[in-house]
N, C-alpha and C. Protein backbone atom coordinates (compact mmCIF):
# COMPACT_ATOMS: atom_id res chain seq x y z
N MET A 1 0.85 -0.96 -0.11
CA MET A 1 0.15 -0.07 -0.11
C MET A 1 0.80 1.40 0.14
N ASN A 2 0.52 2.08 -0.45
CA ASN A 2 1.35 3.30 -0.80
C ASN A 2 1.21 4.46 0.63
N LYS A 3 2.06 5.18 0.64
CA LYS A 3 2.14 5.92 1.96
C LYS A 3 0.83 6.90 1.99
N LEU A 4 0.70 7.47 0.79
CA LEU A 4 -0.41 8.43 0.94
C LEU A 4 -1.83 7.87 1.52
N ILE A 5 -1.89 6.58 0.79
CA ILE A 5 -3.26 5.80 1.30
C ILE A 5 -3.04 5.65 2.54
N GLU A 6 -1.91 5.39 3.02
CA GLU A 6 -1.92 4.94 4.70
C GLU A 6 -1.99 6.30 5.38
N ALA A 7 -1.54 7.13 5.12
CA ALA A 7 -1.63 8.35 5.68
C ALA A 7 -3.26 8.86 5.90
N LYS A 8 -4.08 8.94 4.83
CA LYS A 8 -5.34 9.08 4.53
C LYS A 8 -5.85 8.07 5.45
N ASP A 9 -5.93 6.74 5.39
CA ASP A 9 -6.72 5.81 5.99
C ASP A 9 -6.42 5.81 7.78
N PHE A 10 -5.31 6.30 8.04
CA PHE A 10 -4.86 6.76 9.42
C PHE A 10 -5.79 7.86 9.93
N ALA A 11 -5.65 8.65 9.03
CA ALA A 11 -6.14 10.43 9.54
C ALA A 11 -7.93 10.09 9.40
N ILE A 12 -8.53 9.35 8.58
CA ILE A 12 -9.88 9.22 8.64
C ILE A 12 -10.18 8.35 9.94
N LYS A 13 -9.36 7.36 10.03
CA LYS A 13 -9.78 6.54 11.39
C LYS A 13 -9.58 7.39 12.47
N LYS A 14 -8.47 8.34 12.69
CA LYS A 14 -8.44 8.77 13.80
C LYS A 14 -9.65 9.95 14.00
N HIS A 15 -10.26 10.42 13.12
CA HIS A 15 -11.32 11.61 13.27
C HIS A 15 -12.58 11.04 12.82
N GLY A 16 -12.57 9.73 12.99
CA GLY A 16 -13.90 9.02 12.63
C GLY A 16 -15.02 9.99 11.87
N ASP A 17 -15.92 10.06 12.26
CA ASP A 17 -17.33 10.85 11.95
C ASP A 17 -17.25 12.36 11.75
N GLN A 18 -16.13 12.73 11.85
CA GLN A 18 -15.96 14.21 11.79
C GLN A 18 -16.32 14.77 10.72
N PHE A 19 -16.94 16.25 10.92
CA PHE A 19 -17.07 16.90 9.33
C PHE A 19 -16.21 18.02 9.26
N TYR A 20 -15.80 18.42 8.30
CA TYR A 20 -15.48 19.60 7.94
C TYR A 20 -16.51 20.38 7.04
N GLY A 21 -17.30 21.28 8.08
CA GLY A 21 -18.26 22.28 7.81
C GLY A 21 -19.50 20.94 7.49
N THR A 22 -19.67 21.09 6.51
CA THR A 22 -21.17 20.03 5.92
C THR A 22 -20.42 19.02 5.19
N PHE A 23 -19.11 18.98 4.92
CA PHE A 23 -18.61 17.64 4.53
C PHE A 23 -18.11 16.69 5.08
N PRO A 24 -17.73 15.68 4.60
CA PRO A 24 -17.05 14.33 5.46
C PRO A 24 -15.37 15.02 5.35
N TYR A 25 -14.70 14.43 6.70
CA TYR A 25 -13.46 14.94 7.10
C TYR A 25 -12.78 14.92 5.82
N GLU A 26 -12.94 13.62 4.92
CA GLU A 26 -12.15 13.48 3.95
C GLU A 26 -11.77 14.65 2.75
N VAL A 27 -12.74 15.33 2.75
CA VAL A 27 -12.66 16.61 1.58
C VAL A 27 -11.60 17.71 2.06
N HIS A 28 -11.33 17.57 3.43
CA HIS A 28 -10.49 18.42 4.37
C HIS A 28 -8.93 17.65 3.44
N LEU A 29 -8.79 16.52 3.83
CA LEU A 29 -7.37 16.13 3.42
C LEU A 29 -7.34 16.05 1.89
N ILE A 30 -8.50 16.16 1.06
CA ILE A 30 -8.16 16.22 -0.25
C ILE A 30 -7.57 17.64 -0.67
N ASN A 31 -8.14 18.78 0.12
CA ASN A 31 -7.80 20.00 -0.01
C ASN A 31 -6.36 20.18 0.47
N VAL A 32 -5.98 19.42 2.02
CA VAL A 32 -4.50 19.69 2.15
C VAL A 32 -3.69 18.99 1.20
N VAL A 33 -3.96 18.18 0.53
CA VAL A 33 -2.98 17.23 -0.48
C VAL A 33 -2.91 18.23 -1.71
N ASN A 34 -3.82 18.95 -2.11
CA ASN A 34 -3.91 19.80 -3.56
C ASN A 34 -3.03 20.75 -3.11
N VAL A 35 -3.42 21.39 -1.90
CA VAL A 35 -2.55 22.91 -1.50
C VAL A 35 -0.83 22.13 -1.30
N LEU A 36 -0.57 20.98 -0.97
CA LEU A 36 0.82 20.79 -0.69
C LEU A 36 1.43 20.13 -2.25
N LEU A 37 0.82 19.82 -3.16
CA LEU A 37 1.01 19.60 -4.42
C LEU A 37 1.30 20.87 -5.32
N PHE A 38 0.38 21.68 -4.82
CA PHE A 38 0.82 23.06 -5.86
C PHE A 38 1.91 23.70 -5.11
N ILE A 39 2.11 23.47 -3.85
CA ILE A 39 3.20 24.18 -3.48
C ILE A 39 4.68 23.56 -3.90
N TYR A 40 4.79 22.03 -4.01
CA TYR A 40 5.67 21.34 -4.46
C TYR A 40 6.22 21.74 -6.07
N THR A 41 4.58 21.69 -6.87
CA THR A 41 5.21 22.02 -7.91
C THR A 41 5.52 23.41 -8.41
N PHE A 42 5.26 24.30 -7.61
CA PHE A 42 5.68 26.00 -7.74
C PHE A 42 7.20 25.87 -7.22
N ILE A 43 7.48 25.41 -6.21
CA ILE A 43 8.81 24.96 -6.15
C ILE A 43 9.97 24.43 -6.90
N LEU A 44 9.48 23.51 -7.54
CA LEU A 44 9.99 22.57 -8.90
C LEU A 44 10.15 23.68 -9.88
N ILE A 45 9.14 24.57 -10.46
CA ILE A 45 8.98 25.41 -11.46
C ILE A 45 10.35 26.27 -11.45
N HIS A 46 10.06 26.78 -9.89
CA HIS A 46 11.18 27.69 -9.84
C HIS A 46 12.61 27.30 -9.85
N PHE A 47 12.74 26.16 -8.84
CA PHE A 47 13.79 25.70 -9.15
C PHE A 47 14.58 25.53 -10.32
N TYR A 48 13.65 24.56 -11.42
CA TYR A 48 14.29 24.73 -12.73
C TYR A 48 14.58 25.67 -13.28
N PHE A 49 13.52 26.88 -13.14
CA PHE A 49 13.72 28.15 -14.21
C PHE A 49 14.95 28.94 -13.57
N PHE A 50 15.35 28.98 -12.06
CA PHE A 50 16.58 29.67 -11.79
C PHE A 50 17.70 28.90 -11.68
N THR A 51 17.56 27.59 -12.31
CA THR A 51 18.99 26.69 -12.27
C THR A 51 19.34 26.50 -13.81
N PHE A 52 18.24 26.30 -14.60
CA PHE A 52 18.59 26.03 -16.05
C PHE A 52 18.35 27.47 -16.78
N ALA A 53 17.40 28.09 -16.66
CA ALA A 53 17.25 29.12 -17.74
C ALA A 53 18.11 30.46 -17.83
């Protein structure tokens, strides 16, 4: 099993039936992952630009 799925399953188990506003907690997890991916992509692009451009 991949680490991302393990982390997601762990967080969902620990938060149980908790809600994020009117949505299940899983929606919050998805939003967090999307923000982290955006930041990671931003850093990679800037690193490439300032290193090779």
